[in-house]
Amino acid sequence: MENLKAHSHNGTDSQKLVMKESFENVPQEAIDEVTGTASGTYGATEQTLINNLKTTVNELLTKLENIGIIN
């Protein structure tokens, strides 16, 4: 391993920091979007909760992809 000194960026000394180029040995498999919806087996309240969680998970996946943390 290279002997590198730890450092941080203040936002003005570097134009762009690319996450997938900044970390080494962090392989990851793609994460699939959550599909489907809660069935009628559940009550209306549970269906709403499950479907809202699905939406939130997919939004988080999109945001993490957009900032380069996941593929």
PDB file of N, CA and C in Angstrom:
ATOM      1  N   MET A   1       0.842  -1.178   0.000  1.00  0.00           N
ATOM      2  CA  MET A   1       0.000   0.000   0.000  1.00  0.00           C
ATOM      3  C   MET A   1       0.884   1.237   0.000  1.00  0.00           C
ATOM      4  N   GLU A   2       0.445   2.238  -0.697  1.00  0.00           N
ATOM      5  CA  GLU A   2       1.196   3.476  -0.773  1.00  0.00           C
ATOM      6  C   GLU A   2       1.174   4.193   0.573  1.00  0.00           C
ATOM      7  N   ASN A   3       2.234   4.913   0.854  1.00  0.00           N
ATOM      8  CA  ASN A   3       2.301   5.682   2.079  1.00  0.00           C
ATOM      9  C   ASN A   3       1.808   7.100   1.794  1.00  0.00           C
ATOM     10  N   LEU A   4       0.509   7.293   1.935  1.00  0.00           N
ATOM     11  CA  LEU A   4      -0.089   8.587   1.638  1.00  0.00           C
ATOM     12  C   LEU A   4      -0.523   9.283   2.914  1.00  0.00           C
ATOM     13  N   LYS A   5      -0.359  10.590   2.935  1.00  0.00           N
ATOM     14  CA  LYS A   5      -0.778  11.376   4.079  1.00  0.00           C
ATOM     15  C   LYS A   5      -2.278  11.665   3.962  1.00  0.00           C
ATOM     16  N   ALA A   6      -3.015  11.469   5.069  1.00  0.00           N
ATOM     17  CA  ALA A   6      -4.444  11.774   5.073  1.00  0.00           C
ATOM     18  C   ALA A   6      -4.638  13.275   4.856  1.00  0.00           C
ATOM     19  N   HIS A   7      -5.645  13.612   4.091  1.00  0.00           N
ATOM     20  CA  HIS A   7      -5.934  15.020   3.829  1.00  0.00           C
ATOM     21  C   HIS A   7      -7.422  15.195   3.561  1.00  0.00           C
ATOM     22  N   SER A   8      -7.873  16.427   3.591  1.00  0.00           N
ATOM     23  CA  SER A   8      -9.272  16.722   3.278  1.00  0.00           C
ATOM     24  C   SER A   8      -9.323  17.876   2.292  1.00  0.00           C
ATOM     25  N   HIS A   9     -10.460  18.010   1.651  1.00  0.00           N
ATOM     26  CA  HIS A   9     -10.646  19.090   0.688  1.00  0.00           C
ATOM     27  C   HIS A   9     -11.639  20.100   1.247  1.00  0.00           C
ATOM     28  N   ASN A  10     -11.381  21.361   0.978  1.00  0.00           N
ATOM     29  CA  ASN A  10     -12.256  22.406   1.502  1.00  0.00           C
ATOM     30  C   ASN A  10     -13.283  22.885   0.483  1.00  0.00           C
ATOM     31  N   GLY A  11     -13.329  22.266  -0.675  1.00  0.00           N
ATOM     32  CA  GLY A  11     -14.316  22.634  -1.686  1.00  0.00           C
ATOM     33  C   GLY A  11     -13.801  23.630  -2.703  1.00  0.00           C
ATOM     34  N   THR A  12     -12.686  24.275  -2.409  1.00  0.00           N
ATOM     35  CA  THR A  12     -12.143  25.239  -3.365  1.00  0.00           C
ATOM     36  C   THR A  12     -10.815  24.774  -3.956  1.00  0.00           C
ATOM     37  N   ASP A  13     -10.211  23.762  -3.348  1.00  0.00           N
ATOM     38  CA  ASP A  13      -8.912  23.296  -3.832  1.00  0.00           C
ATOM     39  C   ASP A  13      -9.027  22.175  -4.864  1.00  0.00           C
ATOM     40  N   SER A  14     -10.243  21.717  -5.118  1.00  0.00           N
ATOM     41  CA  SER A  14     -10.454  20.652  -6.081  1.00  0.00           C
ATOM     42  C   SER A  14     -11.775  20.899  -6.790  1.00  0.00           C
ATOM     43  N   GLN A  15     -11.782  20.757  -8.105  1.00  0.00           N
ATOM     44  CA  GLN A  15     -13.009  21.000  -8.851  1.00  0.00           C
ATOM     45  C   GLN A  15     -14.066  19.941  -8.580  1.00  0.00           C
ATOM     46  N   LYS A  16     -13.638  18.700  -8.495  1.00  0.00           N
ATOM     47  CA  LYS A  16     -14.611  17.622  -8.365  1.00  0.00           C
ATOM     48  C   LYS A  16     -13.957  16.408  -7.719  1.00  0.00           C
ATOM     49  N   LEU A  17     -14.629  15.859  -6.731  1.00  0.00           N
ATOM     50  CA  LEU A  17     -14.170  14.635  -6.095  1.00  0.00           C
ATOM     51  C   LEU A  17     -15.138  13.537  -6.502  1.00  0.00           C
ATOM     52  N   VAL A  18     -14.642  12.514  -7.197  1.00  0.00           N
ATOM     53  CA  VAL A  18     -15.480  11.436  -7.679  1.00  0.00           C
ATOM     54  C   VAL A  18     -15.348  10.260  -6.720  1.00  0.00           C
ATOM     55  N   MET A  19     -16.475   9.905  -6.081  1.00  0.00           N
ATOM     56  CA  MET A  19     -16.461   8.890  -5.024  1.00  0.00           C
ATOM     57  C   MET A  19     -15.873   7.570  -5.504  1.00  0.00           C
ATOM     58  N   LYS A  20     -16.330   7.069  -6.640  1.00  0.00           N
ATOM     59  CA  LYS A  20     -15.878   5.752  -7.077  1.00  0.00           C
ATOM     60  C   LYS A  20     -14.401   5.755  -7.465  1.00  0.00           C
ATOM     61  N   GLU A  21     -13.823   6.937  -7.656  1.00  0.00           N
ATOM     62  CA  GLU A  21     -12.397   7.031  -7.940  1.00  0.00           C
ATOM     63  C   GLU A  21     -11.603   7.355  -6.683  1.00  0.00           C
ATOM     64  N   SER A  22     -12.284   7.691  -5.600  1.00  0.00           N
ATOM     65  CA  SER A  22     -11.616   8.107  -4.382  1.00  0.00           C
ATOM     66  C   SER A  22     -11.366   6.969  -3.413  1.00  0.00           C
ATOM     67  N   PHE A  23     -12.148   5.916  -3.509  1.00  0.00           N
ATOM     68  CA  PHE A  23     -12.011   4.784  -2.610  1.00  0.00           C
ATOM     69  C   PHE A  23     -11.440   3.597  -3.368  1.00  0.00           C
ATOM     70  N   GLU A  24     -10.602   2.841  -2.680  1.00  0.00           N
ATOM     71  CA  GLU A  24     -10.028   1.651  -3.279  1.00  0.00           C
ATOM     72  C   GLU A  24     -10.627   0.408  -2.639  1.00  0.00           C
ATOM     73  N   ASN A  25     -10.700  -0.647  -3.421  1.00  0.00           N
ATOM     74  CA  ASN A  25     -11.140  -1.957  -2.925  1.00  0.00           C
ATOM     75  C   ASN A  25     -12.513  -1.917  -2.270  1.00  0.00           C
ATOM     76  N   VAL A  26     -13.436  -1.243  -2.910  1.00  0.00           N
ATOM     77  CA  VAL A  26     -14.801  -1.180  -2.405  1.00  0.00           C
ATOM     78  C   VAL A  26     -15.741  -1.647  -3.514  1.00  0.00           C
ATOM     79  N   PRO A  27     -15.621  -2.938  -3.887  1.00  0.00           N
ATOM     80  CA  PRO A  27     -16.496  -3.428  -4.954  1.00  0.00           C
ATOM     81  C   PRO A  27     -17.936  -3.491  -4.474  1.00  0.00           C
ATOM     82  N   GLN A  28     -18.843  -3.302  -5.396  1.00  0.00           N
ATOM     83  CA  GLN A  28     -20.251  -3.383  -5.035  1.00  0.00           C
ATOM     84  C   GLN A  28     -21.063  -3.867  -6.222  1.00  0.00           C
ATOM     85  N   GLU A  29     -22.068  -4.631  -5.904  1.00  0.00           N
ATOM     86  CA  GLU A  29     -22.992  -5.074  -6.929  1.00  0.00           C
ATOM     87  C   GLU A  29     -24.111  -4.058  -7.036  1.00  0.00           C
ATOM     88  N   ALA A  30     -24.740  -3.998  -8.182  1.00  0.00           N
ATOM     89  CA  ALA A  30     -25.845  -3.069  -8.384  1.00  0.00           C
ATOM     90  C   ALA A  30     -26.995  -3.416  -7.445  1.00  0.00           C
ATOM     91  N   ILE A  31     -27.715  -2.407  -7.017  1.00  0.00           N
ATOM     92  CA  ILE A  31     -28.891  -2.595  -6.171  1.00  0.00           C
ATOM     93  C   ILE A  31     -30.110  -2.327  -7.031  1.00  0.00           C
ATOM     94  N   ASP A  32     -30.994  -3.289  -7.087  1.00  0.00           N
ATOM     95  CA  ASP A  32     -32.199  -3.145  -7.906  1.00  0.00           C
ATOM     96  C   ASP A  32     -33.232  -2.279  -7.210  1.00  0.00           C
ATOM     97  N   GLU A  33     -33.965  -1.531  -8.022  1.00  0.00           N
ATOM     98  CA  GLU A  33     -35.085  -0.733  -7.516  1.00  0.00           C
ATOM     99  C   GLU A  33     -36.149  -1.668  -6.950  1.00  0.00           C
ATOM    100  N   VAL A  34     -36.814  -1.222  -5.905  1.00  0.00           N
ATOM    101  CA  VAL A  34     -37.897  -2.004  -5.314  1.00  0.00           C
ATOM    102  C   VAL A  34     -39.109  -1.899  -6.230  1.00  0.00           C
ATOM    103  N   THR A  35     -39.688  -3.042  -6.587  1.00  0.00           N
ATOM    104  CA  THR A  35     -40.858  -3.045  -7.468  1.00  0.00           C
ATOM    105  C   THR A  35     -42.028  -3.690  -6.749  1.00  0.00           C
ATOM    106  N   GLY A  36     -43.169  -3.621  -7.362  1.00  0.00           N
ATOM    107  CA  GLY A  36     -44.357  -4.234  -6.777  1.00  0.00           C
ATOM    108  C   GLY A  36     -44.987  -3.336  -5.725  1.00  0.00           C
ATOM    109  N   THR A  37     -46.151  -3.724  -5.298  1.00  0.00           N
ATOM    110  CA  THR A  37     -46.879  -2.988  -4.273  1.00  0.00           C
ATOM    111  C   THR A  37     -47.503  -3.974  -3.300  1.00  0.00           C
ATOM    112  N   ALA A  38     -47.944  -3.463  -2.165  1.00  0.00           N
ATOM    113  CA  ALA A  38     -48.591  -4.320  -1.168  1.00  0.00           C
ATOM    114  C   ALA A  38     -49.929  -4.807  -1.706  1.00  0.00           C
ATOM    115  N   SER A  39     -50.209  -6.080  -1.490  1.00  0.00           N
ATOM    116  CA  SER A  39     -51.445  -6.668  -2.009  1.00  0.00           C
ATOM    117  C   SER A  39     -52.620  -6.433  -1.068  1.00  0.00           C
ATOM    118  N   GLY A  40     -53.782  -6.839  -1.507  1.00  0.00           N
ATOM    119  CA  GLY A  40     -54.995  -6.712  -0.729  1.00  0.00           C
ATOM    120  C   GLY A  40     -55.020  -7.597   0.507  1.00  0.00           C
ATOM    121  N   THR A  41     -53.995  -8.425   0.654  1.00  0.00           N
ATOM    122  CA  THR A  41     -53.878  -9.234   1.860  1.00  0.00           C
ATOM    123  C   THR A  41     -53.750  -8.327   3.085  1.00  0.00           C
ATOM    124  N   TYR A  42     -53.160  -7.147   2.875  1.00  0.00           N
ATOM    125  CA  TYR A  42     -52.968  -6.186   3.954  1.00  0.00           C
ATOM    126  C   TYR A  42     -54.139  -5.198   3.985  1.00  0.00           C
ATOM    127  N   GLY A  43     -54.346  -4.612   5.141  1.00  0.00           N
ATOM    128  CA  GLY A  43     -55.356  -3.564   5.260  1.00  0.00           C
ATOM    129  C   GLY A  43     -54.868  -2.290   4.595  1.00  0.00           C
ATOM    130  N   ALA A  44     -55.755  -1.327   4.442  1.00  0.00           N
ATOM    131  CA  ALA A  44     -55.417  -0.075   3.759  1.00  0.00           C
ATOM    132  C   ALA A  44     -54.252   0.653   4.431  1.00  0.00           C
ATOM    133  N   THR A  45     -54.222   0.662   5.741  1.00  0.00           N
ATOM    134  CA  THR A  45     -53.146   1.347   6.458  1.00  0.00           C
ATOM    135  C   THR A  45     -51.802   0.691   6.186  1.00  0.00           C
ATOM    136  N   GLU A  46     -51.771  -0.628   6.238  1.00  0.00           N
ATOM    137  CA  GLU A  46     -50.532  -1.359   5.983  1.00  0.00           C
ATOM    138  C   GLU A  46     -50.085  -1.217   4.533  1.00  0.00           C
ATOM    139  N   GLN A  47     -51.030  -1.229   3.597  1.00  0.00           N
ATOM    140  CA  GLN A  47     -50.689  -1.037   2.186  1.00  0.00           C
ATOM    141  C   GLN A  47     -50.033   0.317   1.978  1.00  0.00           C
ATOM    142  N   THR A  48     -50.607   1.338   2.584  1.00  0.00           N
ATOM    143  CA  THR A  48     -50.047   2.697   2.450  1.00  0.00           C
ATOM    144  C   THR A  48     -48.645   2.746   3.033  1.00  0.00           C
ATOM    145  N   LEU A  49     -48.459   2.161   4.208  1.00  0.00           N
ATOM    146  CA  LEU A  49     -47.147   2.150   4.849  1.00  0.00           C
ATOM    147  C   LEU A  49     -46.118   1.432   3.983  1.00  0.00           C
ATOM    148  N   ILE A  50     -46.442   0.249   3.513  1.00  0.00           N
ATOM    149  CA  ILE A  50     -45.507  -0.534   2.694  1.00  0.00           C
ATOM    150  C   ILE A  50     -45.183   0.199   1.391  1.00  0.00           C
ATOM    151  N   ASN A  51     -46.200   0.732   0.737  1.00  0.00           N
ATOM    152  CA  ASN A  51     -45.972   1.425  -0.532  1.00  0.00           C
ATOM    153  C   ASN A  51     -45.170   2.709  -0.333  1.00  0.00           C
ATOM    154  N   ASN A  52     -45.391   3.403   0.782  1.00  0.00           N
ATOM    155  CA  ASN A  52     -44.598   4.601   1.070  1.00  0.00           C
ATOM    156  C   ASN A  52     -43.142   4.243   1.353  1.00  0.00           C
ATOM    157  N   LEU A  53     -42.920   3.140   2.054  1.00  0.00           N
ATOM    158  CA  LEU A  53     -41.552   2.681   2.301  1.00  0.00           C
ATOM    159  C   LEU A  53     -40.853   2.329   0.997  1.00  0.00           C
ATOM    160  N   LYS A  54     -41.560   1.686   0.097  1.00  0.00           N
ATOM    161  CA  LYS A  54     -41.001   1.346  -1.218  1.00  0.00           C
ATOM    162  C   LYS A  54     -40.558   2.618  -1.940  1.00  0.00           C
ATOM    163  N   THR A  55     -41.411   3.624  -1.937  1.00  0.00           N
ATOM    164  CA  THR A  55     -41.089   4.893  -2.592  1.00  0.00           C
ATOM    165  C   THR A  55     -39.859   5.538  -1.958  1.00  0.00           C
ATOM    166  N   THR A  56     -39.811   5.537  -0.630  1.00  0.00           N
ATOM    167  CA  THR A  56     -38.681   6.144   0.073  1.00  0.00           C
ATOM    168  C   THR A  56     -37.375   5.408  -0.204  1.00  0.00           C
ATOM    169  N   VAL A  57     -37.403   4.082  -0.212  1.00  0.00           N
ATOM    170  CA  VAL A  57     -36.194   3.304  -0.511  1.00  0.00           C
ATOM    171  C   VAL A  57     -35.705   3.625  -1.917  1.00  0.00           C
ATOM    172  N   ASN A  58     -36.600   3.685  -2.884  1.00  0.00           N
ATOM    173  CA  ASN A  58     -36.198   3.988  -4.259  1.00  0.00           C
ATOM    174  C   ASN A  58     -35.644   5.404  -4.381  1.00  0.00           C
ATOM    175  N   GLU A  59     -36.212   6.348  -3.641  1.00  0.00           N
ATOM    176  CA  GLU A  59     -35.678   7.719  -3.647  1.00  0.00           C
ATOM    177  C   GLU A  59     -34.270   7.752  -3.059  1.00  0.00           C
ATOM    178  N   LEU A  60     -34.053   7.006  -1.976  1.00  0.00           N
ATOM    179  CA  LEU A  60     -32.717   6.939  -1.378  1.00  0.00           C
ATOM    180  C   LEU A  60     -31.708   6.316  -2.342  1.00  0.00           C
ATOM    181  N   LEU A  61     -32.108   5.243  -3.011  1.00  0.00           N
ATOM    182  CA  LEU A  61     -31.218   4.618  -3.994  1.00  0.00           C
ATOM    183  C   LEU A  61     -30.824   5.617  -5.079  1.00  0.00           C
ATOM    184  N   THR A  62     -31.792   6.369  -5.577  1.00  0.00           N
ATOM    185  CA  THR A  62     -31.520   7.358  -6.618  1.00  0.00           C
ATOM    186  C   THR A  62     -30.551   8.427  -6.114  1.00  0.00           C
ATOM    187  N   LYS A  63     -30.782   8.917  -4.904  1.00  0.00           N
ATOM    188  CA  LYS A  63     -29.903   9.957  -4.348  1.00  0.00           C
ATOM    189  C   LYS A  63     -28.492   9.435  -4.133  1.00  0.00           C
ATOM    190  N   LEU A  64     -28.358   8.218  -3.633  1.00  0.00           N
ATOM    191  CA  LEU A  64     -27.028   7.636  -3.434  1.00  0.00           C
ATOM    192  C   LEU A  64     -26.310   7.411  -4.752  1.00  0.00           C
ATOM    193  N   GLU A  65     -27.045   7.022  -5.786  1.00  0.00           N
ATOM    194  CA  GLU A  65     -26.460   6.872  -7.117  1.00  0.00           C
ATOM    195  C   GLU A  65     -26.017   8.220  -7.664  1.00  0.00           C
ATOM    196  N   ASN A  66     -26.840   9.237  -7.474  1.00  0.00           N
ATOM    197  CA  ASN A  66     -26.546  10.568  -8.000  1.00  0.00           C
ATOM    198  C   ASN A  66     -25.284  11.175  -7.402  1.00  0.00           C
ATOM    199  N   ILE A  67     -24.996  10.861  -6.142  1.00  0.00           N
ATOM    200  CA  ILE A  67     -23.783  11.407  -5.535  1.00  0.00           C
ATOM    201  C   ILE A  67     -22.611  10.439  -5.616  1.00  0.00           C
ATOM    202  N   GLY A  68     -22.804   9.295  -6.263  1.00  0.00           N
ATOM    203  CA  GLY A  68     -21.709   8.385  -6.557  1.00  0.00           C
ATOM    204  C   GLY A  68     -21.349   7.393  -5.465  1.00  0.00           C
ATOM    205  N   ILE A  69     -22.192   7.235  -4.456  1.00  0.00           N
ATOM    206  CA  ILE A  69     -21.874   6.294  -3.391  1.00  0.00           C
ATOM    207  C   ILE A  69     -22.170   4.863  -3.812  1.00  0.00           C
ATOM    208  N   ILE A  70     -23.224   4.663  -4.600  1.00  0.00           N
ATOM    209  CA  ILE A  70     -23.533   3.329  -5.117  1.00  0.00           C
ATOM    210  C   ILE A  70     -23.645   3.406  -6.628  1.00  0.00           C
ATOM    211  N   ASN A  71     -23.545   2.246  -7.263  1.00  0.00           N
ATOM    212  CA  ASN A  71     -23.679   2.179  -8.729  1.00  0.00           C
ATOM    213  C   ASN A  71     -25.125   2.006  -9.102  1.00  0.00           C
TER     214      ASN A  71
END
